[in-house]
């Protein structure tokens, strides 16, 4: 288990979640990294359903993280990333196979950490959109403390390149 995260889009939140990949934000490398995104409220386009570009996890390019809040501490951190900027997906929506799902509370989506995704704002007058994201890593995941990633609340006791196994990242299911 890597970590959990709660996403809340209050009614009237016009600001979209920018198109991004999750993995470049994190000090972890590897292919076996996934998110389980659990809807805590009804989710549809009007209140900010997450949109995905089908097949983008296999593009072979890791894009620079984008700060969700301009001017915050992460804005400068991500600007220093050596990764290329993500293409302007909004300007080229018709070129992509963009998918989204209406969800009921308790429904979940499982997606790869390299898939390009984002979400529109919550334009409803009264429908909150909450989602709980559970992040998991597999056997090939390694601790990769590189420039341009999120600062962790607590640094793991791991050397660069070490498997993601320590008290901060408990094993969920052992090999048989």
N, C-alpha and C. Protein backbone atom coordinates (compact mmCIF):
# COMPACT_ATOMS: atom_id res chain seq x y z
N UNK A 1 0.85 -1.18 0.00
CA UNK A 1 0.00 0.00 0.00
C UNK A 1 0.89 1.23 0.00
N UNK A 2 0.63 2.16 -0.92
CA UNK A 2 1.46 3.36 -1.03
C UNK A 2 0.89 4.49 -0.19
N UNK A 3 -0.33 4.94 -0.50
CA UNK A 3 -0.98 5.94 0.34
C UNK A 3 -2.43 6.14 -0.10
N UNK A 4 -3.17 6.91 0.71
CA UNK A 4 -4.55 7.23 0.36
C UNK A 4 -4.70 8.74 0.24
N UNK A 5 -5.75 9.14 -0.46
CA UNK A 5 -5.96 10.57 -0.71
C UNK A 5 -7.46 10.80 -0.91
N UNK A 6 -7.97 11.87 -0.33
CA UNK A 6 -9.38 12.22 -0.48
C UNK A 6 -9.48 13.44 -1.39
N UNK A 7 -10.30 13.32 -2.43
CA UNK A 7 -10.54 14.43 -3.35
C UNK A 7 -11.95 14.95 -3.13
N UNK A 8 -12.08 16.27 -2.99
CA UNK A 8 -13.38 16.90 -2.78
C UNK A 8 -13.53 18.04 -3.77
N UNK A 9 -14.61 18.02 -4.53
CA UNK A 9 -14.98 19.16 -5.39
C UNK A 9 -16.32 19.66 -4.88
N UNK A 10 -16.26 20.81 -4.24
CA UNK A 10 -17.48 21.40 -3.69
C UNK A 10 -18.35 21.95 -4.83
N UNK A 11 -19.66 22.07 -4.60
CA UNK A 11 -20.53 22.67 -5.62
C UNK A 11 -20.03 24.06 -6.01
N UNK A 12 -20.11 24.37 -7.28
CA UNK A 12 -19.69 25.67 -7.77
C UNK A 12 -18.19 25.83 -7.94
N UNK A 13 -17.44 24.73 -7.86
CA UNK A 13 -15.99 24.78 -8.07
C UNK A 13 -15.74 24.72 -9.57
N UNK A 14 -15.54 25.85 -10.19
CA UNK A 14 -15.39 25.90 -11.64
C UNK A 14 -14.03 25.40 -12.11
N UNK A 15 -13.03 25.44 -11.22
CA UNK A 15 -11.66 25.09 -11.61
C UNK A 15 -11.56 23.59 -11.92
N UNK A 16 -11.11 23.24 -13.13
CA UNK A 16 -10.94 21.82 -13.45
C UNK A 16 -9.67 21.25 -12.83
N UNK A 17 -9.64 19.94 -12.72
CA UNK A 17 -8.40 19.24 -12.38
C UNK A 17 -7.63 19.10 -13.68
N UNK A 18 -6.41 19.62 -13.76
CA UNK A 18 -5.69 19.59 -15.04
C UNK A 18 -5.36 18.17 -15.49
N UNK A 19 -5.20 18.01 -16.80
CA UNK A 19 -4.77 16.72 -17.34
C UNK A 19 -3.39 16.41 -16.80
N UNK A 20 -3.20 15.16 -16.37
CA UNK A 20 -1.93 14.77 -15.76
C UNK A 20 -1.83 13.25 -15.69
N UNK A 21 -0.66 12.77 -15.35
CA UNK A 21 -0.42 11.38 -14.96
C UNK A 21 -0.09 11.42 -13.47
N UNK A 22 -0.43 10.40 -12.73
CA UNK A 22 -0.14 10.39 -11.30
C UNK A 22 1.32 10.08 -10.98
N UNK A 23 1.89 9.11 -11.65
CA UNK A 23 3.21 8.60 -11.28
C UNK A 23 4.31 9.66 -11.25
N UNK A 24 4.36 10.62 -12.18
CA UNK A 24 5.45 11.61 -12.11
C UNK A 24 5.43 12.49 -10.86
N UNK A 25 4.31 12.56 -10.14
CA UNK A 25 4.24 13.35 -8.91
C UNK A 25 4.94 12.66 -7.74
N UNK A 26 5.15 11.37 -7.85
CA UNK A 26 5.58 10.57 -6.71
C UNK A 26 7.04 10.16 -6.80
N UNK A 27 7.64 9.95 -5.65
CA UNK A 27 9.03 9.48 -5.57
C UNK A 27 9.05 7.96 -5.65
N UNK A 28 8.45 7.45 -6.71
CA UNK A 28 8.39 6.01 -6.93
C UNK A 28 8.47 5.75 -8.43
N UNK A 29 9.17 4.70 -8.81
CA UNK A 29 9.24 4.30 -10.21
C UNK A 29 8.80 2.85 -10.32
N UNK A 30 8.46 2.45 -11.52
CA UNK A 30 8.01 1.09 -11.77
C UNK A 30 6.74 1.10 -12.59
N UNK A 31 6.35 -0.05 -13.06
CA UNK A 31 5.18 -0.17 -13.93
C UNK A 31 3.96 -0.63 -13.14
N UNK A 32 4.18 -1.34 -12.04
CA UNK A 32 3.07 -1.90 -11.27
C UNK A 32 2.61 -0.91 -10.20
N UNK A 33 1.95 0.14 -10.66
CA UNK A 33 1.44 1.17 -9.75
C UNK A 33 0.02 1.49 -10.20
N UNK A 34 -0.93 1.38 -9.29
CA UNK A 34 -2.33 1.57 -9.65
C UNK A 34 -3.07 2.35 -8.58
N UNK A 35 -4.18 2.94 -9.00
CA UNK A 35 -5.08 3.66 -8.11
C UNK A 35 -6.44 2.99 -8.14
N UNK A 36 -7.04 2.84 -6.97
CA UNK A 36 -8.44 2.46 -6.85
C UNK A 36 -9.16 3.73 -6.41
N UNK A 37 -10.02 4.28 -7.29
CA UNK A 37 -10.73 5.54 -7.03
C UNK A 37 -12.17 5.18 -6.69
N UNK A 38 -12.57 5.43 -5.44
CA UNK A 38 -13.89 5.04 -4.94
C UNK A 38 -14.77 6.27 -4.82
N UNK A 39 -15.92 6.24 -5.49
CA UNK A 39 -16.87 7.35 -5.40
C UNK A 39 -17.55 7.34 -4.04
N UNK A 40 -17.57 8.48 -3.37
CA UNK A 40 -18.28 8.62 -2.11
C UNK A 40 -19.62 9.33 -2.30
N UNK A 41 -19.80 9.92 -3.48
CA UNK A 41 -21.04 10.59 -3.86
C UNK A 41 -21.38 10.16 -5.28
N UNK A 42 -22.60 10.48 -5.72
CA UNK A 42 -22.93 10.28 -7.13
C UNK A 42 -21.98 11.15 -7.96
N UNK A 43 -21.43 10.58 -9.03
CA UNK A 43 -20.47 11.30 -9.88
C UNK A 43 -20.97 11.25 -11.32
N UNK A 44 -21.02 12.42 -11.95
CA UNK A 44 -21.32 12.50 -13.38
C UNK A 44 -20.58 13.69 -13.96
N UNK A 45 -20.82 13.99 -15.22
CA UNK A 45 -20.09 15.10 -15.86
C UNK A 45 -20.33 16.43 -15.17
N UNK A 46 -21.54 16.65 -14.68
CA UNK A 46 -21.87 17.97 -14.12
C UNK A 46 -21.11 18.29 -12.84
N UNK A 47 -20.72 17.26 -12.07
CA UNK A 47 -20.01 17.54 -10.82
C UNK A 47 -18.55 17.08 -10.83
N UNK A 48 -18.01 16.83 -12.03
CA UNK A 48 -16.57 16.61 -12.13
C UNK A 48 -16.11 15.17 -12.27
N UNK A 49 -16.81 14.36 -13.06
CA UNK A 49 -16.36 12.98 -13.29
C UNK A 49 -14.95 12.97 -13.87
N UNK A 50 -14.13 12.06 -13.38
CA UNK A 50 -12.76 11.93 -13.88
C UNK A 50 -12.82 11.41 -15.32
N UNK A 51 -12.03 12.04 -16.20
CA UNK A 51 -11.94 11.64 -17.60
C UNK A 51 -10.56 11.04 -17.85
N UNK A 52 -10.51 10.02 -18.69
CA UNK A 52 -9.28 9.30 -18.99
C UNK A 52 -9.05 9.26 -20.49
N UNK A 53 -7.79 9.33 -20.91
CA UNK A 53 -7.47 9.11 -22.32
C UNK A 53 -7.10 7.64 -22.47
N UNK A 54 -7.96 6.91 -23.15
CA UNK A 54 -7.77 5.47 -23.31
C UNK A 54 -6.41 5.17 -23.94
N UNK A 55 -5.69 4.24 -23.33
CA UNK A 55 -4.40 3.80 -23.86
C UNK A 55 -3.22 4.71 -23.58
N UNK A 56 -3.44 5.85 -22.95
CA UNK A 56 -2.34 6.80 -22.74
C UNK A 56 -1.29 6.29 -21.76
N UNK A 57 -1.62 5.31 -20.94
CA UNK A 57 -0.62 4.73 -20.03
C UNK A 57 0.50 4.06 -20.82
N UNK A 58 0.25 3.72 -22.07
CA UNK A 58 1.25 3.03 -22.90
C UNK A 58 1.95 3.97 -23.88
N UNK A 59 1.79 5.28 -23.73
CA UNK A 59 2.46 6.23 -24.63
C UNK A 59 3.97 6.19 -24.49
N UNK A 60 4.47 5.77 -23.35
CA UNK A 60 5.92 5.69 -23.15
C UNK A 60 6.57 7.00 -22.75
N UNK A 61 5.78 8.00 -22.41
CA UNK A 61 6.31 9.31 -22.00
C UNK A 61 5.78 9.66 -20.62
N UNK A 62 6.68 10.04 -19.75
CA UNK A 62 6.32 10.55 -18.43
C UNK A 62 6.32 12.07 -18.53
N UNK A 63 5.18 12.70 -18.24
CA UNK A 63 5.06 14.15 -18.37
C UNK A 63 5.29 14.86 -17.04
N UNK A 64 5.75 16.10 -17.14
CA UNK A 64 6.00 16.94 -15.97
C UNK A 64 4.71 17.11 -15.17
N UNK A 65 4.78 16.99 -13.85
CA UNK A 65 3.60 17.26 -13.04
C UNK A 65 3.12 18.70 -13.23
N UNK A 66 1.84 18.88 -13.08
CA UNK A 66 1.21 20.19 -13.19
C UNK A 66 0.67 20.56 -11.82
N UNK A 67 0.96 21.76 -11.36
CA UNK A 67 0.43 22.21 -10.07
C UNK A 67 -1.08 22.43 -10.21
N UNK A 68 -1.84 21.88 -9.29
CA UNK A 68 -3.29 22.06 -9.33
C UNK A 68 -3.67 23.46 -8.86
N UNK A 69 -2.80 24.07 -8.06
CA UNK A 69 -3.02 25.44 -7.58
C UNK A 69 -1.83 26.27 -8.01
N UNK A 70 -2.06 27.21 -8.90
CA UNK A 70 -0.97 28.06 -9.39
C UNK A 70 -0.48 28.98 -8.28
N UNK A 71 0.85 29.11 -8.18
CA UNK A 71 1.45 29.98 -7.18
C UNK A 71 1.74 29.29 -5.86
N UNK A 72 1.32 28.05 -5.70
CA UNK A 72 1.59 27.31 -4.46
C UNK A 72 3.01 26.77 -4.46
N UNK A 73 3.39 26.11 -3.36
CA UNK A 73 4.76 25.60 -3.23
C UNK A 73 5.09 24.56 -4.30
N UNK A 74 4.10 23.80 -4.75
CA UNK A 74 4.37 22.78 -5.76
C UNK A 74 4.58 23.38 -7.14
N UNK A 75 4.06 24.56 -7.38
CA UNK A 75 4.23 25.20 -8.69
C UNK A 75 5.71 25.32 -9.03
N UNK A 76 6.51 25.84 -8.13
CA UNK A 76 7.96 25.98 -8.36
C UNK A 76 8.64 24.61 -8.40
N UNK A 77 8.25 23.71 -7.52
CA UNK A 77 8.85 22.37 -7.48
C UNK A 77 8.65 21.66 -8.82
N UNK A 78 7.46 21.71 -9.36
CA UNK A 78 7.18 21.00 -10.61
C UNK A 78 7.82 21.68 -11.80
N UNK A 79 7.93 22.99 -11.74
CA UNK A 79 8.57 23.73 -12.84
C UNK A 79 10.01 23.28 -13.02
N UNK A 80 10.65 22.83 -11.95
CA UNK A 80 12.04 22.38 -12.00
C UNK A 80 12.19 20.96 -12.53
N UNK A 81 11.09 20.29 -12.78
CA UNK A 81 11.15 18.91 -13.27
C UNK A 81 11.75 18.89 -14.67
N UNK A 82 12.63 17.92 -14.95
CA UNK A 82 13.23 17.82 -16.29
C UNK A 82 12.30 17.16 -17.31
N UNK A 83 11.12 16.72 -16.89
CA UNK A 83 10.21 16.03 -17.79
C UNK A 83 9.54 17.00 -18.76
N UNK A 84 9.11 16.51 -19.94
CA UNK A 84 8.41 17.39 -20.89
C UNK A 84 7.02 17.75 -20.38
N UNK A 85 6.53 18.91 -20.82
CA UNK A 85 5.18 19.34 -20.46
C UNK A 85 4.15 18.43 -21.13
N UNK A 86 3.03 18.26 -20.47
CA UNK A 86 1.96 17.46 -21.05
C UNK A 86 1.35 18.23 -22.22
N UNK A 87 0.94 17.54 -23.28
CA UNK A 87 0.30 18.24 -24.40
C UNK A 87 -0.98 18.95 -23.94
N UNK A 88 -1.44 19.92 -24.71
CA UNK A 88 -2.67 20.64 -24.40
C UNK A 88 -3.86 19.77 -24.82
N UNK A 89 -4.28 18.91 -23.93
CA UNK A 89 -5.35 17.96 -24.22
C UNK A 89 -6.66 18.69 -24.51
N UNK A 90 -6.97 19.72 -23.74
CA UNK A 90 -8.23 20.44 -23.95
C UNK A 90 -8.32 21.01 -25.36
N UNK A 91 -7.21 21.49 -25.89
CA UNK A 91 -7.21 22.07 -27.24
C UNK A 91 -7.33 20.99 -28.31
N UNK A 92 -7.06 19.73 -27.93
CA UNK A 92 -7.05 18.63 -28.90
C UNK A 92 -7.97 17.49 -28.48
N UNK A 93 -9.05 17.78 -27.77
CA UNK A 93 -9.94 16.73 -27.26
C UNK A 93 -10.40 15.77 -28.35
N UNK A 94 -10.70 16.29 -29.53
CA UNK A 94 -11.22 15.45 -30.62
C UNK A 94 -10.20 14.43 -31.10
N UNK A 95 -8.93 14.64 -30.82
CA UNK A 95 -7.87 13.72 -31.26
C UNK A 95 -7.72 12.52 -30.32
N UNK A 96 -8.40 12.55 -29.19
CA UNK A 96 -8.20 11.53 -28.17
C UNK A 96 -9.48 10.75 -27.89
N UNK A 97 -9.32 9.52 -27.47
CA UNK A 97 -10.43 8.68 -27.03
C UNK A 97 -10.60 8.93 -25.54
N UNK A 98 -11.44 9.90 -25.20
CA UNK A 98 -11.65 10.31 -23.81
C UNK A 98 -12.86 9.57 -23.25
N UNK A 99 -12.64 8.92 -22.12
CA UNK A 99 -13.70 8.13 -21.50
C UNK A 99 -13.94 8.57 -20.06
N UNK A 100 -15.17 8.44 -19.64
CA UNK A 100 -15.54 8.74 -18.27
C UNK A 100 -16.72 7.83 -17.90
N UNK A 101 -16.99 7.71 -16.61
CA UNK A 101 -18.07 6.85 -16.15
C UNK A 101 -18.89 7.57 -15.09
N UNK A 102 -20.22 7.45 -15.23
CA UNK A 102 -21.10 7.88 -14.16
C UNK A 102 -20.95 6.86 -13.04
N UNK A 103 -20.89 7.33 -11.81
CA UNK A 103 -20.64 6.43 -10.68
C UNK A 103 -21.64 6.69 -9.56
N UNK A 104 -21.95 5.63 -8.85
CA UNK A 104 -22.77 5.72 -7.64
C UNK A 104 -21.85 5.57 -6.43
N UNK A 105 -22.25 6.05 -5.26
CA UNK A 105 -21.41 5.87 -4.08
C UNK A 105 -21.04 4.39 -3.90
N UNK A 106 -19.75 4.14 -3.71
CA UNK A 106 -19.24 2.78 -3.55
C UNK A 106 -18.68 2.18 -4.83
N UNK A 107 -19.06 2.73 -6.00
CA UNK A 107 -18.45 2.27 -7.25
C UNK A 107 -16.98 2.64 -7.25
N UNK A 108 -16.17 1.87 -7.97
CA UNK A 108 -14.76 2.21 -8.04
C UNK A 108 -14.22 2.05 -9.45
N UNK A 109 -13.18 2.80 -9.73
CA UNK A 109 -12.40 2.68 -10.95
C UNK A 109 -10.99 2.29 -10.53
N UNK A 110 -10.36 1.42 -11.29
CA UNK A 110 -8.97 1.04 -11.05
C UNK A 110 -8.20 1.44 -12.29
N UNK A 111 -7.14 2.25 -12.10
CA UNK A 111 -6.40 2.72 -13.26
C UNK A 111 -4.91 2.82 -12.99
N UNK A 112 -4.16 2.73 -14.07
CA UNK A 112 -2.70 2.75 -14.04
C UNK A 112 -2.19 4.16 -13.71
N UNK A 113 -1.09 4.24 -13.01
CA UNK A 113 -0.53 5.52 -12.58
C UNK A 113 0.00 6.37 -13.73
N UNK A 114 0.15 5.78 -14.92
CA UNK A 114 0.64 6.55 -16.06
C UNK A 114 -0.47 6.98 -17.03
N UNK A 115 -1.72 6.63 -16.76
CA UNK A 115 -2.79 7.05 -17.66
C UNK A 115 -3.02 8.55 -17.50
N UNK A 116 -3.21 9.23 -18.62
CA UNK A 116 -3.48 10.67 -18.60
C UNK A 116 -4.96 10.86 -18.24
N UNK A 117 -5.20 11.68 -17.23
CA UNK A 117 -6.57 11.92 -16.78
C UNK A 117 -6.70 13.32 -16.19
N UNK A 118 -7.92 13.76 -16.05
CA UNK A 118 -8.24 15.06 -15.48
C UNK A 118 -9.73 15.08 -15.19
N UNK A 119 -10.24 16.22 -14.78
CA UNK A 119 -11.68 16.30 -14.49
C UNK A 119 -12.14 17.74 -14.66
N UNK A 120 -13.36 17.91 -15.16
CA UNK A 120 -13.91 19.26 -15.22
C UNK A 120 -14.25 19.75 -13.82
N UNK A 121 -14.60 21.01 -13.73
CA UNK A 121 -15.03 21.55 -12.45
C UNK A 121 -16.39 20.99 -12.05
N UNK A 122 -16.80 21.29 -10.84
CA UNK A 122 -18.12 20.90 -10.35
C UNK A 122 -19.03 22.10 -10.52
N UNK A 123 -19.82 22.08 -11.58
CA UNK A 123 -20.65 23.23 -11.91
C UNK A 123 -22.05 23.16 -11.32
N UNK A 124 -22.31 22.17 -10.48
CA UNK A 124 -23.63 22.04 -9.89
C UNK A 124 -23.81 23.04 -8.75
N UNK A 125 -25.07 23.39 -8.44
CA UNK A 125 -25.30 24.30 -7.32
C UNK A 125 -25.29 23.60 -5.96
N UNK A 126 -25.39 22.25 -5.95
CA UNK A 126 -25.48 21.60 -4.65
C UNK A 126 -24.96 20.18 -4.54
N UNK A 127 -24.29 19.67 -5.56
CA UNK A 127 -23.83 18.27 -5.52
C UNK A 127 -22.32 18.20 -5.30
N UNK A 128 -21.92 17.86 -4.10
CA UNK A 128 -20.50 17.67 -3.79
C UNK A 128 -20.01 16.42 -4.51
N UNK A 129 -18.73 16.42 -4.92
CA UNK A 129 -18.13 15.23 -5.53
C UNK A 129 -16.91 14.85 -4.71
N UNK A 130 -17.00 13.69 -4.04
CA UNK A 130 -15.88 13.21 -3.24
C UNK A 130 -15.45 11.85 -3.78
N UNK A 131 -14.14 11.65 -3.79
CA UNK A 131 -13.59 10.36 -4.20
C UNK A 131 -12.40 10.02 -3.32
N UNK A 132 -12.34 8.77 -2.90
CA UNK A 132 -11.22 8.28 -2.11
C UNK A 132 -10.30 7.50 -3.03
N UNK A 133 -9.04 7.92 -3.11
CA UNK A 133 -8.06 7.24 -3.96
C UNK A 133 -7.12 6.42 -3.08
N UNK A 134 -7.04 5.15 -3.37
CA UNK A 134 -6.11 4.24 -2.68
C UNK A 134 -5.03 3.88 -3.68
N UNK A 135 -3.78 4.13 -3.33
CA UNK A 135 -2.65 3.93 -4.24
C UNK A 135 -1.89 2.67 -3.83
N UNK A 136 -1.63 1.83 -4.81
CA UNK A 136 -0.93 0.56 -4.56
C UNK A 136 0.27 0.42 -5.49
N UNK A 137 1.32 -0.22 -4.99
CA UNK A 137 2.49 -0.52 -5.82
C UNK A 137 2.71 -2.03 -5.83
N UNK A 138 3.35 -2.50 -6.90
CA UNK A 138 3.64 -3.93 -7.03
C UNK A 138 5.11 -4.22 -6.81
N UNK A 139 5.50 -5.42 -7.16
CA UNK A 139 6.86 -5.90 -6.90
C UNK A 139 7.95 -5.10 -7.60
N UNK A 140 7.64 -4.49 -8.75
CA UNK A 140 8.70 -3.77 -9.48
C UNK A 140 8.85 -2.32 -9.03
N UNK A 141 8.00 -1.84 -8.13
CA UNK A 141 8.06 -0.44 -7.69
C UNK A 141 9.29 -0.21 -6.82
N UNK A 142 9.94 0.93 -7.05
CA UNK A 142 11.15 1.30 -6.31
C UNK A 142 11.04 2.74 -5.83
N UNK A 143 11.65 2.99 -4.67
CA UNK A 143 11.72 4.35 -4.15
C UNK A 143 12.64 5.16 -5.06
N UNK A 144 12.16 6.30 -5.52
CA UNK A 144 12.87 7.10 -6.52
C UNK A 144 12.78 8.59 -6.16
N UNK A 145 13.53 9.04 -5.15
CA UNK A 145 13.47 10.44 -4.72
C UNK A 145 14.18 11.35 -5.71
N UNK A 146 13.45 11.86 -6.68
CA UNK A 146 14.02 12.69 -7.74
C UNK A 146 13.43 14.09 -7.68
N UNK A 147 14.09 15.06 -8.30
CA UNK A 147 13.55 16.42 -8.31
C UNK A 147 12.19 16.48 -9.00
N UNK A 148 11.35 17.40 -8.55
CA UNK A 148 10.07 17.63 -9.20
C UNK A 148 8.95 16.73 -8.74
N UNK A 149 9.10 16.08 -7.57
CA UNK A 149 8.02 15.23 -7.05
C UNK A 149 7.45 15.84 -5.77
N UNK A 150 6.28 15.35 -5.37
CA UNK A 150 5.67 15.81 -4.12
C UNK A 150 6.60 15.54 -2.95
N UNK A 151 6.59 16.46 -2.02
CA UNK A 151 7.30 16.25 -0.76
C UNK A 151 6.41 15.35 0.10
N UNK A 152 6.99 14.29 0.63
CA UNK A 152 6.22 13.37 1.46
C UNK A 152 6.06 13.95 2.86
N UNK A 153 4.97 13.62 3.51
CA UNK A 153 4.73 14.07 4.88
C UNK A 153 5.81 13.53 5.80
N UNK A 154 6.18 12.28 5.58
CA UNK A 154 7.26 11.64 6.33
C UNK A 154 8.10 10.86 5.34
N UNK A 155 9.39 11.07 5.37
CA UNK A 155 10.29 10.38 4.43
C UNK A 155 10.46 8.93 4.85
N UNK A 156 10.38 8.01 3.90
CA UNK A 156 10.57 6.60 4.24
C UNK A 156 12.03 6.29 4.52
N UNK A 157 12.25 5.27 5.31
CA UNK A 157 13.61 4.82 5.61
C UNK A 157 14.04 3.84 4.52
N UNK A 158 14.20 4.38 3.31
CA UNK A 158 14.56 3.58 2.14
C UNK A 158 15.68 4.27 1.37
N UNK A 159 16.57 3.49 0.82
CA UNK A 159 17.60 4.02 -0.08
C UNK A 159 16.99 4.16 -1.47
N UNK A 160 17.51 5.09 -2.24
CA UNK A 160 17.05 5.24 -3.63
C UNK A 160 17.22 3.90 -4.35
N UNK A 161 16.18 3.48 -5.06
CA UNK A 161 16.21 2.22 -5.79
C UNK A 161 15.73 1.02 -4.99
N UNK A 162 15.43 1.22 -3.71
CA UNK A 162 14.96 0.12 -2.86
C UNK A 162 13.50 -0.21 -3.16
N UNK A 163 13.11 -1.47 -2.97
CA UNK A 163 11.69 -1.83 -3.10
C UNK A 163 10.85 -1.03 -2.11
N UNK A 164 9.60 -0.82 -2.44
CA UNK A 164 8.69 -0.03 -1.61
C UNK A 164 8.15 -0.88 -0.46
N UNK A 165 9.06 -1.29 0.41
CA UNK A 165 8.66 -2.10 1.57
C UNK A 165 9.28 -1.51 2.82
N UNK A 166 8.44 -0.91 3.64
CA UNK A 166 8.85 -0.37 4.94
C UNK A 166 7.57 -0.10 5.72
N UNK A 167 7.71 0.42 6.94
CA UNK A 167 6.53 0.67 7.78
C UNK A 167 5.54 1.62 7.13
N UNK A 168 6.03 2.58 6.34
CA UNK A 168 5.13 3.53 5.68
C UNK A 168 4.33 2.90 4.55
N UNK A 169 4.85 1.84 3.96
CA UNK A 169 4.22 1.20 2.80
C UNK A 169 4.01 -0.28 3.11
N UNK A 170 2.99 -0.62 3.89
CA UNK A 170 2.80 -2.02 4.31
C UNK A 170 2.40 -2.94 3.15
N UNK A 171 2.85 -4.17 3.24
CA UNK A 171 2.46 -5.19 2.25
C UNK A 171 1.00 -5.56 2.52
N UNK A 172 0.19 -5.50 1.48
CA UNK A 172 -1.23 -5.79 1.62
C UNK A 172 -1.51 -7.28 1.50
N UNK A 173 -0.81 -7.92 0.57
CA UNK A 173 -1.06 -9.33 0.33
C UNK A 173 0.25 -10.01 0.02
N UNK A 174 0.64 -11.02 0.80
CA UNK A 174 1.92 -11.69 0.54
C UNK A 174 1.81 -12.64 -0.65
N UNK A 175 2.96 -12.93 -1.24
CA UNK A 175 3.00 -13.95 -2.30
C UNK A 175 2.62 -15.29 -1.70
N UNK A 176 2.01 -16.13 -2.50
CA UNK A 176 1.60 -17.46 -2.02
C UNK A 176 2.81 -18.36 -1.88
